[in-house]
Amino acid sequence: MNELVSGGESLVSLAAIALSALMALLAWFFVNRASVRASEQIRLLEALLEEQKRQNQLLRRLAERGADSPRQTAPDDDEQTSDLIHLVAER
């Protein structure tokens, strides 16, 4: 009779260990997944930063080139009104 009682306790103990291992693996999965996603987002943000730096350099070069060239004359009033028509939102 003692063998049945002690056998049941070891079975419960074994089930508790298996359940604990399963919970630990599940927690590791979600932590690892979050870490991979965060690393991917950091990589994308760094790529975006590099692209913005290149765009800023290009904009500075264009601004310097535009500052060196002479100013253009103002467009006629007819041209300004036709340009304003394109800015009005249609419904």
PDB file of N, CA and C in Angstrom:
ATOM      1  N   MET A   1       0.818  -1.186   0.000  1.00  0.00           N
ATOM      2  CA  MET A   1       0.000   0.000   0.000  1.00  0.00           C
ATOM      3  C   MET A   1       0.860   1.248   0.000  1.00  0.00           C
ATOM      4  N   ASN A   2       1.983   1.211   0.691  1.00  0.00           N
ATOM      5  CA  ASN A   2       2.877   2.363   0.697  1.00  0.00           C
ATOM      6  C   ASN A   2       3.454   2.645  -0.688  1.00  0.00           C
ATOM      7  N   GLU A   3       3.608   1.608  -1.454  1.00  0.00           N
ATOM      8  CA  GLU A   3       4.150   1.799  -2.798  1.00  0.00           C
ATOM      9  C   GLU A   3       3.195   2.606  -3.671  1.00  0.00           C
ATOM     10  N   LEU A   4       1.901   2.413  -3.530  1.00  0.00           N
ATOM     11  CA  LEU A   4       0.924   3.162  -4.313  1.00  0.00           C
ATOM     12  C   LEU A   4       0.890   4.625  -3.893  1.00  0.00           C
ATOM     13  N   VAL A   5       0.972   4.858  -2.604  1.00  0.00           N
ATOM     14  CA  VAL A   5       0.938   6.228  -2.103  1.00  0.00           C
ATOM     15  C   VAL A   5       2.189   6.968  -2.528  1.00  0.00           C
ATOM     16  N   SER A   6       3.341   6.362  -2.357  1.00  0.00           N
ATOM     17  CA  SER A   6       4.573   7.035  -2.746  1.00  0.00           C
ATOM     18  C   SER A   6       4.685   7.136  -4.259  1.00  0.00           C
ATOM     19  N   GLY A   7       4.129   6.214  -4.996  1.00  0.00           N
ATOM     20  CA  GLY A   7       4.134   6.280  -6.454  1.00  0.00           C
ATOM     21  C   GLY A   7       3.292   7.445  -6.959  1.00  0.00           C
ATOM     22  N   GLY A   8       2.197   7.718  -6.300  1.00  0.00           N
ATOM     23  CA  GLY A   8       1.328   8.830  -6.667  1.00  0.00           C
ATOM     24  C   GLY A   8       1.992  10.164  -6.403  1.00  0.00           C
ATOM     25  N   GLU A   9       2.718  10.256  -5.316  1.00  0.00           N
ATOM     26  CA  GLU A   9       3.419  11.501  -4.996  1.00  0.00           C
ATOM     27  C   GLU A   9       4.534  11.777  -5.995  1.00  0.00           C
ATOM     28  N   SER A  10       5.224  10.727  -6.415  1.00  0.00           N
ATOM     29  CA  SER A  10       6.290  10.941  -7.391  1.00  0.00           C
ATOM     30  C   SER A  10       5.708  11.316  -8.747  1.00  0.00           C
ATOM     31  N   LEU A  11       4.518  10.796  -9.048  1.00  0.00           N
ATOM     32  CA  LEU A  11       3.860  11.150 -10.302  1.00  0.00           C
ATOM     33  C   LEU A  11       3.448  12.624 -10.291  1.00  0.00           C
ATOM     34  N   VAL A  12       2.908  13.085  -9.170  1.00  0.00           N
ATOM     35  CA  VAL A  12       2.530  14.497  -9.025  1.00  0.00           C
ATOM     36  C   VAL A  12       3.777  15.366  -9.099  1.00  0.00           C
ATOM     37  N   SER A  13       4.840  14.933  -8.473  1.00  0.00           N
ATOM     38  CA  SER A  13       6.095  15.677  -8.500  1.00  0.00           C
ATOM     39  C   SER A  13       6.642  15.757  -9.917  1.00  0.00           C
ATOM     40  N   LEU A  14       6.568  14.648 -10.636  1.00  0.00           N
ATOM     41  CA  LEU A  14       7.037  14.612 -12.021  1.00  0.00           C
ATOM     42  C   LEU A  14       6.189  15.528 -12.909  1.00  0.00           C
ATOM     43  N   ALA A  15       4.881  15.533 -12.684  1.00  0.00           N
ATOM     44  CA  ALA A  15       3.985  16.402 -13.453  1.00  0.00           C
ATOM     45  C   ALA A  15       4.275  17.870 -13.148  1.00  0.00           C
ATOM     46  N   ALA A  16       4.563  18.187 -11.894  1.00  0.00           N
ATOM     47  CA  ALA A  16       4.877  19.568 -11.513  1.00  0.00           C
ATOM     48  C   ALA A  16       6.181  20.016 -12.178  1.00  0.00           C
ATOM     49  N   ILE A  17       7.152  19.135 -12.227  1.00  0.00           N
ATOM     50  CA  ILE A  17       8.422  19.468 -12.878  1.00  0.00           C
ATOM     51  C   ILE A  17       8.213  19.681 -14.376  1.00  0.00           C
ATOM     52  N   ALA A  18       7.423  18.806 -14.999  1.00  0.00           N
ATOM     53  CA  ALA A  18       7.145  18.939 -16.434  1.00  0.00           C
ATOM     54  C   ALA A  18       6.390  20.237 -16.722  1.00  0.00           C
ATOM     55  N   LEU A  19       5.420  20.552 -15.865  1.00  0.00           N
ATOM     56  CA  LEU A  19       4.657  21.790 -16.045  1.00  0.00           C
ATOM     57  C   LEU A  19       5.557  23.016 -15.866  1.00  0.00           C
ATOM     58  N   SER A  20       6.441  22.964 -14.888  1.00  0.00           N
ATOM     59  CA  SER A  20       7.381  24.071 -14.672  1.00  0.00           C
ATOM     60  C   SER A  20       8.315  24.239 -15.860  1.00  0.00           C
ATOM     61  N   ALA A  21       8.803  23.134 -16.410  1.00  0.00           N
ATOM     62  CA  ALA A  21       9.683  23.199 -17.576  1.00  0.00           C
ATOM     63  C   ALA A  21       8.937  23.775 -18.776  1.00  0.00           C
ATOM     64  N   LEU A  22       7.678  23.362 -18.955  1.00  0.00           N
ATOM     65  CA  LEU A  22       6.875  23.878 -20.056  1.00  0.00           C
ATOM     66  C   LEU A  22       6.636  25.379 -19.902  1.00  0.00           C
ATOM     67  N   MET A  23       6.349  25.831 -18.703  1.00  0.00           N
ATOM     68  CA  MET A  23       6.147  27.268 -18.456  1.00  0.00           C
ATOM     69  C   MET A  23       7.435  28.051 -18.697  1.00  0.00           C
ATOM     70  N   ALA A  24       8.570  27.474 -18.294  1.00  0.00           N
ATOM     71  CA  ALA A  24       9.850  28.149 -18.523  1.00  0.00           C
ATOM     72  C   ALA A  24      10.146  28.259 -20.018  1.00  0.00           C
ATOM     73  N   LEU A  25       9.873  27.213 -20.776  1.00  0.00           N
ATOM     74  CA  LEU A  25      10.085  27.254 -22.228  1.00  0.00           C
ATOM     75  C   LEU A  25       9.151  28.266 -22.894  1.00  0.00           C
ATOM     76  N   LEU A  26       7.916  28.325 -22.421  1.00  0.00           N
ATOM     77  CA  LEU A  26       6.960  29.280 -22.961  1.00  0.00           C
ATOM     78  C   LEU A  26       7.400  30.721 -22.677  1.00  0.00           C
ATOM     79  N   ALA A  27       7.855  30.966 -21.460  1.00  0.00           N
ATOM     80  CA  ALA A  27       8.348  32.303 -21.103  1.00  0.00           C
ATOM     81  C   ALA A  27       9.589  32.649 -21.927  1.00  0.00           C
ATOM     82  N   TRP A  28      10.504  31.692 -22.093  1.00  0.00           N
ATOM     83  CA  TRP A  28      11.707  31.928 -22.906  1.00  0.00           C
ATOM     84  C   TRP A  28      11.334  32.258 -24.342  1.00  0.00           C
ATOM     85  N   PHE A  29      10.325  31.566 -24.895  1.00  0.00           N
ATOM     86  CA  PHE A  29       9.893  31.817 -26.268  1.00  0.00           C
ATOM     87  C   PHE A  29       9.435  33.261 -26.446  1.00  0.00           C
ATOM     88  N   PHE A  30       8.584  33.739 -25.537  1.00  0.00           N
ATOM     89  CA  PHE A  30       8.056  35.090 -25.683  1.00  0.00           C
ATOM     90  C   PHE A  30       9.127  36.152 -25.446  1.00  0.00           C
ATOM     91  N   VAL A  31      10.022  35.924 -24.506  1.00  0.00           N
ATOM     92  CA  VAL A  31      11.107  36.880 -24.269  1.00  0.00           C
ATOM     93  C   VAL A  31      12.048  36.918 -25.474  1.00  0.00           C
ATOM     94  N   ASN A  32      12.371  35.764 -26.017  1.00  0.00           N
ATOM     95  CA  ASN A  32      13.243  35.701 -27.184  1.00  0.00           C
ATOM     96  C   ASN A  32      12.584  36.364 -28.389  1.00  0.00           C
ATOM     97  N   ARG A  33      11.300  36.124 -28.567  1.00  0.00           N
ATOM     98  CA  ARG A  33      10.566  36.734 -29.684  1.00  0.00           C
ATOM     99  C   ARG A  33      10.558  38.256 -29.569  1.00  0.00           C
ATOM    100  N   ALA A  34      10.331  38.762 -28.367  1.00  0.00           N
ATOM    101  CA  ALA A  34      10.334  40.214 -28.152  1.00  0.00           C
ATOM    102  C   ALA A  34      11.727  40.788 -28.411  1.00  0.00           C
ATOM    103  N   SER A  35      12.762  40.063 -28.025  1.00  0.00           N
ATOM    104  CA  SER A  35      14.128  40.526 -28.246  1.00  0.00           C
ATOM    105  C   SER A  35      14.454  40.595 -29.732  1.00  0.00           C
ATOM    106  N   VAL A  36      14.028  39.609 -30.482  1.00  0.00           N
ATOM    107  CA  VAL A  36      14.282  39.592 -31.928  1.00  0.00           C
ATOM    108  C   VAL A  36      13.539  40.742 -32.598  1.00  0.00           C
ATOM    109  N   ARG A  37      12.307  40.984 -32.191  1.00  0.00           N
ATOM    110  CA  ARG A  37      11.541  42.084 -32.781  1.00  0.00           C
ATOM    111  C   ARG A  37      12.169  43.433 -32.451  1.00  0.00           C
ATOM    112  N   ALA A  38      12.641  43.581 -31.225  1.00  0.00           N
ATOM    113  CA  ALA A  38      13.285  44.836 -30.830  1.00  0.00           C
ATOM    114  C   ALA A  38      14.569  45.040 -31.633  1.00  0.00           C
ATOM    115  N   SER A  39      15.321  43.984 -31.843  1.00  0.00           N
ATOM    116  CA  SER A  39      16.554  44.096 -32.632  1.00  0.00           C
ATOM    117  C   SER A  39      16.241  44.487 -34.068  1.00  0.00           C
ATOM    118  N   GLU A  40      15.181  43.925 -34.615  1.00  0.00           N
ATOM    119  CA  GLU A  40      14.791  44.266 -35.988  1.00  0.00           C
ATOM    120  C   GLU A  40      14.352  45.724 -36.077  1.00  0.00           C
ATOM    121  N   GLN A  41      13.610  46.191 -35.095  1.00  0.00           N
ATOM    122  CA  GLN A  41      13.180  47.583 -35.092  1.00  0.00           C
ATOM    123  C   GLN A  41      14.370  48.520 -34.957  1.00  0.00           C
ATOM    124  N   ILE A  42      15.343  48.169 -34.147  1.00  0.00           N
ATOM    125  CA  ILE A  42      16.550  48.992 -34.010  1.00  0.00           C
ATOM    126  C   ILE A  42      17.294  49.054 -35.332  1.00  0.00           C
ATOM    127  N   ARG A  43      17.401  47.909 -36.019  1.00  0.00           N
ATOM    128  CA  ARG A  43      18.084  47.870 -37.313  1.00  0.00           C
ATOM    129  C   ARG A  43      17.360  48.752 -38.329  1.00  0.00           C
ATOM    130  N   LEU A  44      16.028  48.696 -38.343  1.00  0.00           N
ATOM    131  CA  LEU A  44      15.261  49.524 -39.271  1.00  0.00           C
ATOM    132  C   LEU A  44      15.389  51.012 -38.937  1.00  0.00           C
ATOM    133  N   LEU A  45      15.396  51.339 -37.654  1.00  0.00           N
ATOM    134  CA  LEU A  45      15.550  52.739 -37.255  1.00  0.00           C
ATOM    135  C   LEU A  45      16.932  53.274 -37.627  1.00  0.00           C
ATOM    136  N   GLU A  46      17.960  52.440 -37.486  1.00  0.00           N
ATOM    137  CA  GLU A  46      19.301  52.867 -37.874  1.00  0.00           C
ATOM    138  C   GLU A  46      19.383  53.088 -39.386  1.00  0.00           C
ATOM    139  N   ALA A  47      18.731  52.228 -40.167  1.00  0.00           N
ATOM    140  CA  ALA A  47      18.707  52.407 -41.621  1.00  0.00           C
ATOM    141  C   ALA A  47      17.963  53.691 -41.981  1.00  0.00           C
ATOM    142  N   LEU A  48      16.880  53.971 -41.278  1.00  0.00           N
ATOM    143  CA  LEU A  48      16.133  55.201 -41.514  1.00  0.00           C
ATOM    144  C   LEU A  48      16.966  56.429 -41.166  1.00  0.00           C
ATOM    145  N   LEU A  49      17.725  56.346 -40.085  1.00  0.00           N
ATOM    146  CA  LEU A  49      18.595  57.450 -39.689  1.00  0.00           C
ATOM    147  C   LEU A  49      19.653  57.721 -40.750  1.00  0.00           C
ATOM    148  N   GLU A  50      20.249  56.664 -41.290  1.00  0.00           N
ATOM    149  CA  GLU A  50      21.253  56.839 -42.344  1.00  0.00           C
ATOM    150  C   GLU A  50      20.630  57.477 -43.586  1.00  0.00           C
ATOM    151  N   GLU A  51      19.430  57.057 -43.931  1.00  0.00           N
ATOM    152  CA  GLU A  51      18.746  57.632 -45.097  1.00  0.00           C
ATOM    153  C   GLU A  51      18.447  59.112 -44.854  1.00  0.00           C
ATOM    154  N   GLN A  52      18.035  59.461 -43.662  1.00  0.00           N
ATOM    155  CA  GLN A  52      17.760  60.865 -43.353  1.00  0.00           C
ATOM    156  C   GLN A  52      19.038  61.695 -43.391  1.00  0.00           C
ATOM    157  N   LYS A  53      20.151  61.134 -42.945  1.00  0.00           N
ATOM    158  CA  LYS A  53      21.424  61.858 -43.022  1.00  0.00           C
ATOM    159  C   LYS A  53      21.793  62.141 -44.466  1.00  0.00           C
ATOM    160  N   ARG A  54      21.605  61.133 -45.340  1.00  0.00           N
ATOM    161  CA  ARG A  54      21.906  61.355 -46.766  1.00  0.00           C
ATOM    162  C   ARG A  54      20.986  62.404 -47.369  1.00  0.00           C
ATOM    163  N   GLN A  55      19.720  62.373 -46.995  1.00  0.00           N
ATOM    164  CA  GLN A  55      18.784  63.370 -47.514  1.00  0.00           C
ATOM    165  C   GLN A  55      19.134  64.764 -47.015  1.00  0.00           C
ATOM    166  N   ASN A  56      19.556  64.879 -45.757  1.00  0.00           N
ATOM    167  CA  ASN A  56      19.959  66.183 -45.226  1.00  0.00           C
ATOM    168  C   ASN A  56      21.185  66.725 -45.953  1.00  0.00           C
ATOM    169  N   GLN A  57      22.149  65.849 -46.242  1.00  0.00           N
ATOM    170  CA  GLN A  57      23.330  66.287 -46.986  1.00  0.00           C
ATOM    171  C   GLN A  57      22.943  66.767 -48.379  1.00  0.00           C
ATOM    172  N   LEU A  58      22.063  66.036 -49.034  1.00  0.00           N
ATOM    173  CA  LEU A  58      21.606  66.435 -50.358  1.00  0.00           C
ATOM    174  C   LEU A  58      20.862  67.765 -50.296  1.00  0.00           C
ATOM    175  N   LEU A  59      20.032  67.934 -49.289  1.00  0.00           N
ATOM    176  CA  LEU A  59      19.292  69.186 -49.132  1.00  0.00           C
ATOM    177  C   LEU A  59      20.236  70.356 -48.884  1.00  0.00           C
ATOM    178  N   ARG A  60      21.277  70.140 -48.085  1.00  0.00           N
ATOM    179  CA  ARG A  60      22.249  71.212 -47.847  1.00  0.00           C
ATOM    180  C   ARG A  60      22.968  71.594 -49.135  1.00  0.00           C
ATOM    181  N   ARG A  61      23.362  70.570 -49.920  1.00  0.00           N
ATOM    182  CA  ARG A  61      24.029  70.873 -51.184  1.00  0.00           C
ATOM    183  C   ARG A  61      23.113  71.645 -52.131  1.00  0.00           C
ATOM    184  N   LEU A  62      21.840  71.233 -52.174  1.00  0.00           N
ATOM    185  CA  LEU A  62      20.889  71.938 -53.036  1.00  0.00           C
ATOM    186  C   LEU A  62      20.656  73.363 -52.546  1.00  0.00           C
ATOM    187  N   ALA A  63      20.599  73.554 -51.232  1.00  0.00           N
ATOM    188  CA  ALA A  63      20.393  74.890 -50.682  1.00  0.00           C
ATOM    189  C   ALA A  63      21.600  75.778 -50.961  1.00  0.00           C
ATOM    190  N   GLU A  64      22.801  75.222 -50.836  1.00  0.00           N
ATOM    191  CA  GLU A  64      24.000  76.005 -51.136  1.00  0.00           C
ATOM    192  C   GLU A  64      24.055  76.354 -52.619  1.00  0.00           C
ATOM    193  N   ARG A  65      23.690  75.421 -53.441  1.00  0.00           N
ATOM    194  CA  ARG A  65      23.690  75.673 -54.882  1.00  0.00           C
ATOM    195  C   ARG A  65      22.630  76.714 -55.236  1.00  0.00           C
ATOM    196  N   GLY A  66      21.470  76.659 -54.547  1.00  0.00           N
ATOM    197  CA  GLY A  66      20.403  77.628 -54.800  1.00  0.00           C
ATOM    198  C   GLY A  66      20.772  79.007 -54.287  1.00  0.00           C
ATOM    199  N   ALA A  67      21.544  79.099 -53.214  1.00  0.00           N
ATOM    200  CA  ALA A  67      21.949  80.387 -52.671  1.00  0.00           C
ATOM    201  C   ALA A  67      22.974  81.056 -53.590  1.00  0.00           C
ATOM    202  N   ASP A  68      23.761  80.269 -54.292  1.00  0.00           N
ATOM    203  CA  ASP A  68      24.764  80.824 -55.197  1.00  0.00           C
ATOM    204  C   ASP A  68      24.146  81.359 -56.484  1.00  0.00           C
ATOM    205  N   SER A  69      23.033  80.786 -56.925  1.00  0.00           N
ATOM    206  CA  SER A  69      22.415  81.226 -58.182  1.00  0.00           C
ATOM    207  C   SER A  69      21.609  82.500 -57.946  1.00  0.00           C
ATOM    208  N   PRO A  70      21.464  83.337 -58.992  1.00  0.00           N
ATOM    209  CA  PRO A  70      20.691  84.589 -58.839  1.00  0.00           C
ATOM    210  C   PRO A  70      19.203  84.286 -58.627  1.00  0.00           C
ATOM    211  N   ARG A  71      18.535  85.244 -57.974  1.00  0.00           N
ATOM    212  CA  ARG A  71      17.104  85.087 -57.693  1.00  0.00           C
ATOM    213  C   ARG A  71      16.311  85.202 -58.990  1.00  0.00           C
ATOM    214  N   GLN A  72      15.217  84.439 -59.043  1.00  0.00           N
ATOM    215  CA  GLN A  72      14.346  84.511 -60.212  1.00  0.00           C
ATOM    216  C   GLN A  72      13.302  85.589 -59.984  1.00  0.00           C
ATOM    217  N   THR A  73      12.761  86.106 -61.078  1.00  0.00           N
ATOM    218  CA  THR A  73      11.723  87.120 -60.966  1.00  0.00           C
ATOM    219  C   THR A  73      10.413  86.473 -60.555  1.00  0.00           C
ATOM    220  N   ALA A  74       9.515  87.261 -59.996  1.00  0.00           N
ATOM    221  CA  ALA A  74       8.219  86.757 -59.542  1.00  0.00           C
ATOM    222  C   ALA A  74       7.363  86.400 -60.744  1.00  0.00           C
ATOM    223  N   PRO A  75       6.584  85.328 -60.671  1.00  0.00           N
ATOM    224  CA  PRO A  75       5.719  84.953 -61.796  1.00  0.00           C
ATOM    225  C   PRO A  75       4.553  85.923 -61.936  1.00  0.00           C
ATOM    226  N   ASP A  76       3.927  85.912 -63.098  1.00  0.00           N
ATOM    227  CA  ASP A  76       2.786  86.787 -63.370  1.00  0.00           C
ATOM    228  C   ASP A  76       1.605  86.402 -62.480  1.00  0.00           C
ATOM    229  N   ASP A  77       0.649  87.338 -62.369  1.00  0.00           N
ATOM    230  CA  ASP A  77      -0.528  87.093 -61.542  1.00  0.00           C
ATOM    231  C   ASP A  77      -1.371  85.951 -62.100  1.00  0.00           C
ATOM    232  N   ASP A  78      -1.436  85.819 -63.415  1.00  0.00           N
ATOM    233  CA  ASP A  78      -2.230  84.745 -64.017  1.00  0.00           C
ATOM    234  C   ASP A  78      -1.659  83.381 -63.645  1.00  0.00           C
ATOM    235  N   GLU A  79      -0.364  83.288 -63.629  1.00  0.00           N
ATOM    236  CA  GLU A  79       0.265  82.019 -63.276  1.00  0.00           C
ATOM    237  C   GLU A  79       0.021  81.692 -61.806  1.00  0.00           C
ATOM    238  N   GLN A  80       0.010  82.714 -60.953  1.00  0.00           N
ATOM    239  CA  GLN A  80      -0.215  82.469 -59.529  1.00  0.00           C
ATOM    240  C   GLN A  80      -1.631  81.977 -59.275  1.00  0.00           C
ATOM    241  N   THR A  81      -2.632  82.560 -59.946  1.00  0.00           N
ATOM    242  CA  THR A  81      -4.010  82.119 -59.729  1.00  0.00           C
ATOM    243  C   THR A  81      -4.219  80.712 -60.269  1.00  0.00           C
ATOM    244  N   SER A  82      -3.581  80.367 -61.372  1.00  0.00           N
ATOM    245  CA  SER A  82      -3.740  79.009 -61.888  1.00  0.00           C
ATOM    246  C   SER A  82      -3.059  78.005 -60.959  1.00  0.00           C
ATOM    247  N   ASP A  83      -1.972  78.412 -60.314  1.00  0.00           N
ATOM    248  CA  ASP A  83      -1.322  77.525 -59.357  1.00  0.00           C
ATOM    249  C   ASP A  83      -2.177  77.351 -58.099  1.00  0.00           C
ATOM    250  N   LEU A  84      -2.888  78.419 -57.695  1.00  0.00           N
ATOM    251  CA  LEU A  84      -3.731  78.330 -56.511  1.00  0.00           C
ATOM    252  C   LEU A  84      -4.912  77.393 -56.726  1.00  0.00           C
ATOM    253  N   ILE A  85      -5.382  77.279 -57.943  1.00  0.00           N
ATOM    254  CA  ILE A  85      -6.502  76.391 -58.225  1.00  0.00           C
ATOM    255  C   ILE A  85      -6.133  74.953 -57.901  1.00  0.00           C
ATOM    256  N   HIS A  86      -4.908  74.579 -58.167  1.00  0.00           N
ATOM    257  CA  HIS A  86      -4.464  73.210 -57.894  1.00  0.00           C
ATOM    258  C   HIS A  86      -4.297  72.953 -56.410  1.00  0.00           C
ATOM    259  N   LEU A  87      -4.176  73.994 -55.605  1.00  0.00           N
ATOM    260  CA  LEU A  87      -3.996  73.811 -54.168  1.00  0.00           C
ATOM    261  C   LEU A  87      -5.319  73.632 -53.435  1.00  0.00           C
ATOM    262  N   VAL A  88      -6.436  74.042 -54.049  1.00  0.00           N
ATOM    263  CA  VAL A  88      -7.728  73.942 -53.395  1.00  0.00           C
ATOM    264  C   VAL A  88      -8.189  72.487 -53.428  1.00  0.00           C
ATOM    265  N   ALA A  89      -8.587  71.980 -52.293  1.00  0.00           N
ATOM    266  CA  ALA A  89      -9.027  70.590 -52.217  1.00  0.00           C
ATOM    267  C   ALA A  89     -10.402  70.446 -52.838  1.00  0.00           C
ATOM    268  N   GLU A  90     -10.591  69.384 -53.611  1.00  0.00           N
ATOM    269  CA  GLU A  90     -11.886  69.117 -54.233  1.00  0.00           C
ATOM    270  C   GLU A  90     -12.712  68.240 -53.313  1.00  0.00           C
ATOM    271  N   ARG A  91     -14.007  68.412 -53.388  1.00  0.00           N
ATOM    272  CA  ARG A  91     -14.901  67.601 -52.541  1.00  0.00           C
ATOM    273  C   ARG A  91     -15.685  66.648 -53.386  1.00  0.00           C
TER     274      ARG A  91
END
